[in-house]
Amino acid sequence: MFLSVFDIFKIGVGPSSSHTMGPMLAAARFVDTLRAGPDPIPGSGAAARVEATLHGSLAFTGKGHATDRAVVLGLLGLRPETLDPDEAERRIAELRRTHILDVPDLSDLAFDPDADVVFDYGPPLSGHANGLVFRTFDANGNLHFAETYFSIGGGFVLTQRELERENIKGDDASRARPYPFATAAEMLRMGAGSGLSIAAMKRANETAGSDGDLNAGLDRLWSAMDECIDRGLAAEGTLPGGLKVRRRARAISESLLAERGRNQAQPHVANEWLSVYAMAVNEENAAGGRIVTAPTNGAAGVVPAVIRYYRDHCIGADRTGMRDFLLTAAAIGGLIKSNASISGAAVGCQGEVGSASAMAAAGLCAALGGTNAQIENAAEIALEHHLGMTCDPVRGLVQVPCIERNGLGAIKAVAAAALALRGDGSHIVPLDACIETMRQTGRDMSDKYKETSQGGLAVSLPEC
């Protein structure tokens, strides 16, 4: 199974890749299916009304993650990567006035955003915790057509049939990959046999049979990440959602800059910069801003923070190192997604911030000249020390503890890379074993701690 760097890193919008971007994409795919003319249920008339039902984690934390709004935007034909916020608000306002979906090349369908997005708080659908079902009905209320989708993390969306076939959207099996590693052990063996770095093997896989400019694509990803950090460092105010969480990134960065000017910085100032870069991204994500999934929105601050740290604080940093960082991080993220999960609703936050920290540790180790064995070791160290981490967002918002958690994930990533670079790459626990442990831990973890806001901090924090 091949996952491109552009599958692992996707430009989109906050606050959640699985609960915002995924449902938006699922709704847009459903609209595409309607345009193409699905096979209706025998005896039903033409489609006249649409309904969407959210199940599992999408229901329990959907309000906090703006899942209902995302579904509405997707049914209007909008997609995360090209979303214009002003246009989105105008289209939603028009829909609330008319209760008619006005979508090009599709007959008018009745849809009330307040009544036709249904939150089902019963057991989740079999297959994945993030399930949603779209249905059309004829003018007499008879079921016309239905499709089930699963938002499986990182903005990846599968229909029921695709999930059963394990056919990840974007995987092109017809294209031969020169280094088709499916495990970390295979990755190391192929690297040893070819004499290539992980980044070089990933580059060869990305460019096999492709005419696209890989470097330009990587630079666009970094530009979007960098711009997100800058927006977060410049913004002030209170984040939406009712928790009244204040943005802190700007004030902290200004304080750090002032201390630098007075030559009063403490030795741990590098950790503070790492934290503030990550927090800037996740404050933007919480506000619904433009971000890059890395590999998810809830963990979107870790990789950009560590790349910014590399660029601005590390000796010898250059553009080649940043590109190798992204390629290496994507290789590790692909292994984790393929062999375990990057979804907080499936395995808890170990799959989100834990995966992001492992990716960032590997990327930084590569950019600083680490061997393949040291890179694999760095990823394992970072992931190992996130095992068992729960996903317990307060009020279902990607704010507490998510924003600070990204800062700590970035710090762990740098520490893991530094520790690995001080060794020769040999270690006790292979990365593959750590990934499998995460999968098993997530399987055994109570659903209360997997992005349902029914356990942990989400219920222990007193209502304000």
Protein backbone atom coordinates (compact mmCIF):
# COMPACT_ATOMS: atom_id res chain seq x y z
CA MET A 1 0.00 0.00 0.00
CA PHE A 2 1.57 3.29 -1.11
CA LEU A 3 0.75 6.51 0.70
CA SER A 4 2.16 9.63 -0.91
CA VAL A 5 3.71 12.49 1.02
CA PHE A 6 0.71 14.45 -0.26
CA ASP A 7 -1.65 11.91 1.32
CA ILE A 8 0.03 12.21 4.72
CA PHE A 9 0.29 16.01 4.48
CA LYS A 10 -2.83 17.69 3.10
CA ILE A 11 -3.71 21.37 3.05
CA GLY A 12 -7.13 21.91 4.61
CA VAL A 13 -9.04 23.63 7.38
CA GLY A 14 -9.53 23.17 11.12
CA PRO A 15 -10.43 22.11 13.63
CA SER A 16 -10.23 18.38 12.85
CA SER A 17 -9.07 16.24 9.94
CA SER A 18 -11.29 13.30 10.91
CA HIS A 19 -14.27 15.28 12.24
CA THR A 20 -14.22 18.32 9.93
CA MET A 21 -12.24 17.66 6.75
CA GLY A 22 -13.31 14.01 6.47
CA PRO A 23 -17.06 14.61 6.79
CA MET A 24 -16.80 17.55 4.37
CA LEU A 25 -15.07 15.33 1.82
CA ALA A 26 -17.58 12.52 2.42
CA ALA A 27 -20.48 14.89 1.77
CA ALA A 28 -18.81 16.24 -1.36
CA ARG A 29 -18.24 12.67 -2.59
CA PHE A 30 -21.90 11.88 -1.95
CA VAL A 31 -22.89 14.89 -4.07
CA ASP A 32 -20.57 13.64 -6.83
CA THR A 33 -22.30 10.26 -6.65
CA LEU A 34 -25.71 11.91 -6.99
CA ARG A 35 -24.48 13.86 -10.01
CA ALA A 36 -23.29 10.64 -11.64
CA GLY A 37 -26.71 9.04 -11.12
CA PRO A 38 -26.69 6.29 -8.48
CA ASP A 39 -28.79 3.14 -8.69
CA PRO A 40 -31.94 4.06 -6.71
CA ILE A 41 -33.87 1.68 -4.51
CA PRO A 42 -36.49 -0.06 -6.70
CA GLY A 43 -39.89 1.56 -6.48
CA SER A 44 -38.66 4.92 -5.23
CA GLY A 45 -39.22 8.17 -7.06
CA ALA A 46 -36.69 10.86 -7.89
CA ALA A 47 -34.54 12.21 -5.07
CA ALA A 48 -36.19 15.17 -3.34
CA ARG A 49 -34.54 15.47 0.11
CA VAL A 50 -31.16 14.74 1.71
CA GLU A 51 -30.37 13.63 5.26
CA ALA A 52 -27.03 12.98 6.98
CA THR A 53 -26.62 10.90 10.15
CA LEU A 54 -23.48 11.06 12.31
CA HIS A 55 -22.49 8.00 14.33
CA GLY A 56 -19.96 7.16 17.03
CA SER A 57 -17.29 9.75 17.75
CA LEU A 58 -18.65 12.01 15.01
CA ALA A 59 -21.88 12.29 17.00
CA PHE A 60 -20.37 12.62 20.48
CA THR A 61 -17.88 15.37 19.59
CA GLY A 62 -19.40 16.60 16.35
CA LYS A 63 -20.62 19.93 17.70
CA GLY A 64 -17.22 20.80 19.14
CA HIS A 65 -15.47 19.79 15.93
CA ALA A 66 -17.98 21.61 13.67
CA THR A 67 -18.85 18.32 11.98
CA ASP A 68 -22.40 19.41 11.20
CA ARG A 69 -21.14 22.58 9.51
CA ALA A 70 -18.59 20.55 7.56
CA VAL A 71 -21.30 18.21 6.27
CA VAL A 72 -23.36 21.18 5.13
CA LEU A 73 -20.37 22.68 3.29
CA GLY A 74 -19.62 19.37 1.61
CA LEU A 75 -23.22 18.97 0.46
CA LEU A 76 -22.88 22.42 -1.08
CA GLY A 77 -19.99 21.02 -3.11
CA LEU A 78 -17.17 22.73 -1.17
CA ARG A 79 -13.89 21.00 -0.30
CA PRO A 80 -11.30 21.71 2.41
CA GLU A 81 -8.32 22.35 0.15
CA THR A 82 -10.06 25.14 -1.80
CA LEU A 83 -12.43 26.49 0.85
CA ASP A 84 -13.03 30.24 0.77
CA PRO A 85 -14.34 31.17 4.26
CA ASP A 86 -16.33 34.17 3.00
CA GLU A 87 -17.96 32.14 0.23
CA ALA A 88 -18.71 29.34 2.71
CA GLU A 89 -20.57 31.69 5.05
CA ARG A 90 -22.55 33.19 2.17
CA ARG A 91 -23.58 29.74 0.90
CA ILE A 92 -24.63 28.56 4.37
CA ALA A 93 -26.70 31.71 4.94
CA GLU A 94 -28.47 31.19 1.61
CA LEU A 95 -29.16 27.53 2.47
CA ARG A 96 -30.65 28.48 5.83
CA ARG A 97 -32.94 30.90 4.03
CA THR A 98 -34.12 28.56 1.27
CA HIS A 99 -33.61 25.04 2.72
CA ILE A 100 -32.63 24.03 -0.84
CA LEU A 101 -29.22 22.67 -1.86
CA ASP A 102 -28.13 24.77 -4.82
CA VAL A 103 -25.32 22.72 -6.38
CA PRO A 104 -24.20 22.90 -10.03
CA ASP A 105 -25.34 20.03 -12.26
CA LEU A 106 -27.69 18.66 -9.58
CA SER A 107 -31.45 19.01 -9.25
CA ASP A 108 -32.66 21.00 -6.27
CA LEU A 109 -32.85 18.94 -3.08
CA ALA A 110 -34.56 19.90 0.15
CA PHE A 111 -32.17 20.15 3.10
CA ASP A 112 -32.59 21.89 6.45
CA PRO A 113 -29.15 22.26 8.13
CA ASP A 114 -30.74 22.26 11.59
CA ALA A 115 -32.99 19.23 11.12
CA ASP A 116 -31.35 17.06 8.47
CA VAL A 117 -27.98 16.55 10.17
CA VAL A 118 -28.85 13.88 12.77
CA PHE A 119 -26.61 13.02 15.74
CA ASP A 120 -26.99 9.33 16.60
CA TYR A 121 -25.55 8.73 20.09
CA GLY A 122 -26.02 4.96 19.96
CA PRO A 123 -23.27 2.41 19.32
CA PRO A 124 -20.87 3.29 16.48
CA LEU A 125 -21.19 1.65 13.10
CA SER A 126 -19.12 -1.49 12.64
CA GLY A 127 -15.90 -0.79 10.80
CA HIS A 128 -14.73 2.45 12.42
CA ALA A 129 -15.71 4.85 15.19
CA ASN A 130 -16.20 7.73 12.72
CA GLY A 131 -19.17 6.69 10.58
CA LEU A 132 -21.73 8.80 8.72
CA VAL A 133 -24.60 7.85 6.46
CA PHE A 134 -26.10 10.01 3.71
CA ARG A 135 -29.60 9.25 2.44
CA THR A 136 -31.87 10.70 -0.21
CA PHE A 137 -35.67 10.38 -0.09
CA ASP A 138 -38.28 10.88 -2.77
CA ALA A 139 -41.19 13.34 -2.50
CA ASN A 140 -43.28 10.74 -0.63
CA GLY A 141 -40.60 10.09 1.98
CA ASN A 142 -39.45 6.78 0.54
CA LEU A 143 -35.76 5.97 0.75
CA HIS A 144 -34.20 6.63 -2.65
CA PHE A 145 -30.47 6.00 -2.11
CA ALA A 146 -28.00 5.65 0.78
CA GLU A 147 -24.23 5.55 1.15
CA THR A 148 -22.12 4.94 4.25
CA TYR A 149 -18.74 6.62 4.73
CA PHE A 150 -16.01 6.36 7.34
CA SER A 151 -13.63 9.18 8.20
CA ILE A 152 -10.62 7.13 9.22
CA GLY A 153 -8.23 9.90 10.28
CA GLY A 154 -6.01 12.45 8.59
CA GLY A 155 -8.75 13.48 6.16
CA PHE A 156 -8.95 9.99 4.60
CA VAL A 157 -12.50 8.92 3.70
CA LEU A 158 -13.71 5.48 2.63
CA THR A 159 -17.12 4.15 1.70
CA GLN A 160 -18.32 0.96 3.36
CA ARG A 161 -17.26 -1.04 0.31
CA GLU A 162 -13.84 0.62 0.16
CA LEU A 163 -13.25 -0.03 3.83
CA GLU A 164 -14.06 -3.70 3.36
CA ARG A 165 -11.57 -3.86 0.48
CA GLU A 166 -9.02 -1.80 2.44
CA ASN A 167 -8.73 0.32 -0.66
CA ILE A 168 -7.18 3.57 0.61
CA LYS A 169 -8.17 6.41 -1.67
CA GLY A 170 -5.14 7.69 -3.55
CA ASP A 171 -3.23 4.38 -3.57
CA ASP A 172 -2.33 3.59 -7.19
CA ALA A 173 -1.40 -0.08 -7.24
CA SER A 174 -0.78 0.04 -11.00
CA ARG A 175 2.31 2.22 -10.56
CA ALA A 176 5.40 0.21 -9.68
CA ARG A 177 7.33 1.62 -6.73
CA PRO A 178 11.07 0.90 -6.68
CA TYR A 179 11.12 0.63 -2.86
CA PRO A 180 7.72 -0.75 -1.76
CA PHE A 181 8.48 -1.09 1.94
CA ALA A 182 5.46 -1.92 4.08
CA THR A 183 7.30 -2.16 7.41
CA ALA A 184 10.21 -0.39 9.05
CA ALA A 185 12.26 -3.59 8.82
CA GLU A 186 11.73 -3.71 5.06
CA MET A 187 12.58 -0.01 4.84
CA LEU A 188 15.92 -0.59 6.59
CA ARG A 189 16.70 -3.66 4.45
CA MET A 190 15.96 -1.80 1.22
CA GLY A 191 18.03 1.14 2.37
CA ALA A 192 20.97 -1.11 3.20
CA GLY A 193 20.68 -2.93 -0.12
CA SER A 194 20.43 0.21 -2.23
CA GLY A 195 22.73 2.46 -0.24
CA LEU A 196 19.99 5.11 -0.23
CA SER A 197 18.58 7.16 2.60
CA ILE A 198 14.92 6.86 3.61
CA ALA A 199 14.28 10.26 2.02
CA ALA A 200 15.91 9.16 -1.24
CA MET A 201 13.84 5.96 -1.36
CA LYS A 202 10.67 7.93 -0.63
CA ARG A 203 11.61 10.41 -3.35
CA ALA A 204 12.09 7.56 -5.84
CA ASN A 205 8.69 6.12 -4.90
CA GLU A 206 7.00 9.52 -5.27
CA THR A 207 8.49 10.25 -8.69
CA ALA A 208 8.07 6.79 -10.23
CA GLY A 209 6.01 7.33 -13.39
CA SER A 210 5.10 10.88 -12.33
CA ASP A 211 5.67 14.10 -14.27
CA GLY A 212 4.95 16.33 -11.26
CA ASP A 213 7.55 18.60 -9.66
CA LEU A 214 8.06 16.94 -6.28
CA ASN A 215 10.26 19.70 -4.88
CA ALA A 216 7.69 22.34 -5.77
CA GLY A 217 4.99 20.30 -4.04
CA LEU A 218 7.11 19.86 -0.92
CA ASP A 219 7.88 23.58 -0.87
CA ARG A 220 4.15 24.37 -1.13
CA LEU A 221 3.49 22.16 1.90
CA TRP A 222 6.17 23.88 3.94
CA SER A 223 4.99 27.32 2.81
CA ALA A 224 1.47 26.53 4.03
CA MET A 225 2.86 25.26 7.36
CA ASP A 226 5.13 28.28 7.77
CA GLU A 227 2.35 30.74 6.96
CA CYS A 228 0.11 29.01 9.51
CA ILE A 229 2.77 29.45 12.20
CA ASP A 230 3.12 33.13 11.32
CA ARG A 231 -0.64 33.69 11.42
CA GLY A 232 -0.83 32.01 14.80
CA LEU A 233 2.05 34.09 16.15
CA ALA A 234 0.31 37.28 15.01
CA ALA A 235 -3.25 36.56 16.17
CA GLU A 236 -4.85 37.49 19.47
CA GLY A 237 -8.24 36.96 21.12
CA THR A 238 -10.33 34.08 22.40
CA LEU A 239 -10.87 30.81 20.56
CA PRO A 240 -14.45 29.87 19.59
CA GLY A 241 -16.47 27.13 21.26
CA GLY A 242 -17.32 28.35 24.75
CA LEU A 243 -14.24 27.34 26.76
CA LYS A 244 -12.93 30.91 26.49
CA VAL A 245 -9.40 29.70 25.78
CA ARG A 246 -7.16 32.67 25.10
CA ARG A 247 -4.63 32.58 22.29
CA ARG A 248 -1.18 32.64 23.90
CA ALA A 249 1.29 32.13 21.05
CA ARG A 250 1.70 35.82 20.21
CA ALA A 251 2.34 36.95 23.78
CA ILE A 252 4.79 34.12 24.42
CA SER A 253 6.74 34.76 21.21
CA GLU A 254 6.93 38.49 21.95
CA SER A 255 8.24 37.71 25.43
CA LEU A 256 10.87 35.36 24.00
CA LEU A 257 11.99 37.95 21.47
CA ALA A 258 12.29 40.59 24.18
CA GLU A 259 14.43 38.29 26.33
CA ARG A 260 16.63 37.53 23.33
CA GLY A 261 17.16 41.27 22.83
CA ARG A 262 18.23 41.69 26.45
CA ASN A 263 20.37 38.52 26.32
CA GLN A 264 18.32 37.07 29.20
CA ALA A 265 17.23 33.78 27.65
CA GLN A 266 17.28 30.68 29.84
CA PRO A 267 19.02 27.50 28.59
CA HIS A 268 15.64 25.86 27.95
CA VAL A 269 14.53 28.61 25.55
CA ALA A 270 14.70 26.19 22.59
CA ASN A 271 11.89 24.18 24.15
CA GLU A 272 9.86 27.36 24.54
CA TRP A 273 10.25 28.19 20.86
CA LEU A 274 9.24 24.65 19.92
CA SER A 275 6.13 24.95 22.07
CA VAL A 276 5.11 28.33 20.77
CA TYR A 277 5.51 27.31 17.12
CA ALA A 278 3.30 24.27 17.72
CA MET A 279 0.76 26.22 19.76
CA ALA A 280 0.52 28.86 17.03
CA VAL A 281 -0.54 26.19 14.53
CA ASN A 282 -3.03 24.55 16.84
CA GLU A 283 -4.58 27.83 17.86
CA GLU A 284 -5.14 28.49 14.16
CA ASN A 285 -6.58 24.99 13.80
CA ALA A 286 -8.94 25.52 16.75
CA ALA A 287 -10.15 28.72 15.11
CA GLY A 288 -10.97 26.84 11.88
CA GLY A 289 -8.04 28.32 9.97
CA ARG A 290 -6.02 26.98 7.04
CA ILE A 291 -3.61 24.29 8.18
CA VAL A 292 -1.78 21.19 6.94
CA THR A 293 -2.75 17.80 8.34
CA ALA A 294 0.44 16.37 9.80
CA PRO A 295 -0.78 13.63 9.92
CA THR A 296 -4.04 14.97 11.45
CA ASN A 297 -5.39 18.38 12.36
CA GLY A 298 -5.36 17.67 16.09
CA ALA A 299 -1.62 16.95 15.79
CA ALA A 300 -0.92 19.51 13.06
CA GLY A 301 1.50 21.61 15.12
CA VAL A 302 4.24 19.07 15.83
CA VAL A 303 5.87 18.62 12.41
CA PRO A 304 5.74 22.32 11.41
CA ALA A 305 7.16 23.33 14.79
CA VAL A 306 10.13 20.98 14.46
CA ILE A 307 10.82 22.03 10.85
CA ARG A 308 10.72 25.69 11.91
CA TYR A 309 13.05 24.81 14.80
CA TYR A 310 15.40 23.12 12.32
CA ARG A 311 15.34 26.08 9.94
CA ASP A 312 15.70 28.87 12.50
CA HIS A 313 17.74 27.26 15.26
CA CYS A 314 19.87 24.42 13.88
CA ILE A 315 23.36 24.85 12.42
CA GLY A 316 23.59 24.06 8.72
CA ALA A 317 19.86 24.02 8.01
CA ASP A 318 18.96 24.32 4.33
CA ARG A 319 16.13 23.73 1.86
CA THR A 320 17.37 20.23 1.00
CA GLY A 321 17.22 19.28 4.68
CA MET A 322 13.66 20.56 4.93
CA ARG A 323 12.58 18.52 1.92
CA ASP A 324 14.29 15.42 3.29
CA PHE A 325 12.52 16.10 6.61
CA LEU A 326 9.10 16.03 4.94
CA LEU A 327 9.84 12.93 2.85
CA THR A 328 11.22 11.00 5.82
CA ALA A 329 8.36 12.07 8.08
CA ALA A 330 5.85 10.97 5.44
CA ALA A 331 7.53 7.57 5.15
CA ILE A 332 7.17 7.02 8.90
CA GLY A 333 3.60 8.35 8.91
CA GLY A 334 2.69 5.95 6.11
CA LEU A 335 4.03 2.99 8.08
CA ILE A 336 2.06 3.97 11.17
CA LYS A 337 -1.17 4.57 9.25
CA SER A 338 -0.87 1.33 7.27
CA ASN A 339 0.00 -0.88 10.25
CA ALA A 340 -1.92 0.81 13.08
CA SER A 341 -3.83 4.11 12.93
CA ILE A 342 -3.46 7.89 13.03
CA SER A 343 -7.04 8.36 14.24
CA GLY A 344 -7.78 9.56 17.76
CA ALA A 345 -11.21 7.96 17.50
CA ALA A 346 -9.59 4.60 16.76
CA VAL A 347 -6.55 4.48 19.07
CA GLY A 348 -6.53 7.66 21.16
CA CYS A 349 -4.05 10.52 20.99
CA GLN A 350 -1.12 8.12 20.76
CA GLY A 351 -2.21 7.80 17.13
CA GLU A 352 -2.30 11.56 16.58
CA VAL A 353 0.34 13.44 18.59
CA GLY A 354 2.28 10.20 19.10
CA SER A 355 2.45 9.58 15.36
CA ALA A 356 3.27 13.22 14.65
CA SER A 357 6.09 13.19 17.19
CA ALA A 358 7.55 10.02 15.67
CA MET A 359 7.35 11.56 12.19
CA ALA A 360 8.98 14.79 13.35
CA ALA A 361 11.74 12.95 15.23
CA ALA A 362 12.56 10.91 12.13
CA GLY A 363 12.44 13.98 9.90
CA LEU A 364 14.74 16.02 12.12
CA CYS A 365 17.17 13.11 12.50
CA ALA A 366 17.31 12.82 8.69
CA ALA A 367 17.78 16.55 8.19
CA LEU A 368 20.67 16.54 10.68
CA GLY A 369 22.45 13.76 8.82
CA GLY A 370 21.30 10.68 10.71
CA THR A 371 21.67 7.21 9.26
CA ASN A 372 18.62 5.13 8.38
CA ALA A 373 19.09 3.13 11.58
CA GLN A 374 19.28 6.31 13.67
CA ILE A 375 16.16 7.68 11.95
CA GLU A 376 14.19 4.51 12.70
CA ASN A 377 15.45 4.68 16.28
CA ALA A 378 14.36 8.33 16.63
CA ALA A 379 10.85 7.51 15.42
CA GLU A 380 10.60 4.58 17.83
CA ILE A 381 11.76 6.63 20.83
CA ALA A 382 9.21 9.35 20.17
CA LEU A 383 6.32 6.95 19.56
CA GLU A 384 7.20 4.70 22.51
CA HIS A 385 6.83 7.54 24.95
CA HIS A 386 3.35 8.43 23.73
CA LEU A 387 1.95 4.89 24.05
CA GLY A 388 -1.35 4.77 25.88
CA MET A 389 -2.10 8.48 25.48
CA THR A 390 -5.85 9.06 25.48
CA CYS A 391 -7.90 11.46 23.39
CA ASP A 392 -10.15 13.35 25.80
CA PRO A 393 -10.93 16.82 24.38
CA VAL A 394 -12.84 19.00 26.82
CA ARG A 395 -16.31 19.80 25.39
CA GLY A 396 -15.23 18.05 22.19
CA LEU A 397 -13.08 21.05 21.24
CA VAL A 398 -9.58 20.65 19.79
CA GLN A 399 -8.22 23.03 22.42
CA VAL A 400 -7.72 21.47 25.86
CA PRO A 401 -5.44 19.53 26.14
CA CYS A 402 -4.68 19.45 22.41
CA ILE A 403 -2.91 22.79 21.90
CA GLU A 404 -0.31 22.33 24.65
CA ARG A 405 -0.02 18.62 23.85
CA ASN A 406 1.35 19.53 20.41
CA GLY A 407 4.04 21.64 22.06
CA LEU A 408 5.13 18.75 24.24
CA GLY A 409 5.01 16.40 21.25
CA ALA A 410 7.43 18.69 19.41
CA ILE A 411 9.78 18.79 22.40
CA LYS A 412 9.74 14.99 22.63
CA ALA A 413 10.48 14.75 18.91
CA VAL A 414 13.63 16.87 19.19
CA ALA A 415 14.75 14.98 22.30
CA ALA A 416 14.20 11.66 20.53
CA ALA A 417 16.18 12.76 17.46
CA ALA A 418 19.02 14.05 19.62
CA LEU A 419 19.15 10.82 21.63
CA ALA A 420 19.16 8.69 18.48
CA LEU A 421 21.94 10.77 16.92
CA ARG A 422 24.11 10.09 19.96
CA GLY A 423 23.86 6.34 19.29
CA ASP A 424 24.63 4.03 16.40
CA GLY A 425 21.00 3.11 15.65
CA SER A 426 20.93 -0.12 17.63
CA HIS A 427 18.14 -0.38 20.20
CA ILE A 428 15.94 -2.90 21.99
CA VAL A 429 12.42 -2.21 20.63
CA PRO A 430 12.06 -2.06 16.82
CA LEU A 431 9.77 0.60 15.39
CA ASP A 432 7.52 -2.12 13.94
CA ALA A 433 7.02 -3.59 17.42
CA CYS A 434 6.19 -0.15 18.80
CA ILE A 435 3.64 0.47 16.04
CA GLU A 436 2.03 -2.91 16.69
CA THR A 437 1.93 -2.13 20.42
CA MET A 438 0.12 1.11 19.66
CA ARG A 439 -2.41 -0.78 17.54
CA GLN A 440 -3.07 -3.31 20.29
CA THR A 441 -3.23 -0.64 22.98
CA GLY A 442 -5.76 1.30 20.92
CA ARG A 443 -7.82 -1.85 20.39
CA ASP A 444 -7.94 -2.48 24.14
CA MET A 445 -8.52 1.16 25.14
CA SER A 446 -11.99 2.05 26.39
CA ASP A 447 -14.06 4.06 23.93
CA LYS A 448 -14.41 6.70 26.67
CA TYR A 449 -10.85 7.72 25.93
CA LYS A 450 -11.03 7.72 22.13
CA GLU A 451 -12.34 11.12 21.07
CA THR A 452 -15.82 10.77 22.53
CA SER A 453 -15.32 13.28 25.37
CA GLN A 454 -16.83 10.71 27.76
CA GLY A 455 -13.75 10.19 29.93
CA GLY A 456 -10.50 11.70 31.14
CA LEU A 457 -10.14 15.48 31.24
CA ALA A 458 -13.37 15.85 29.31
CA VAL A 459 -15.39 14.75 32.37
CA SER A 460 -12.95 15.58 35.18
CA LEU A 461 -12.81 19.32 34.48
CA PRO A 462 -15.59 21.13 36.37
CA GLU A 463 -18.05 23.09 34.26
CA CYS A 464 -17.22 26.80 34.31
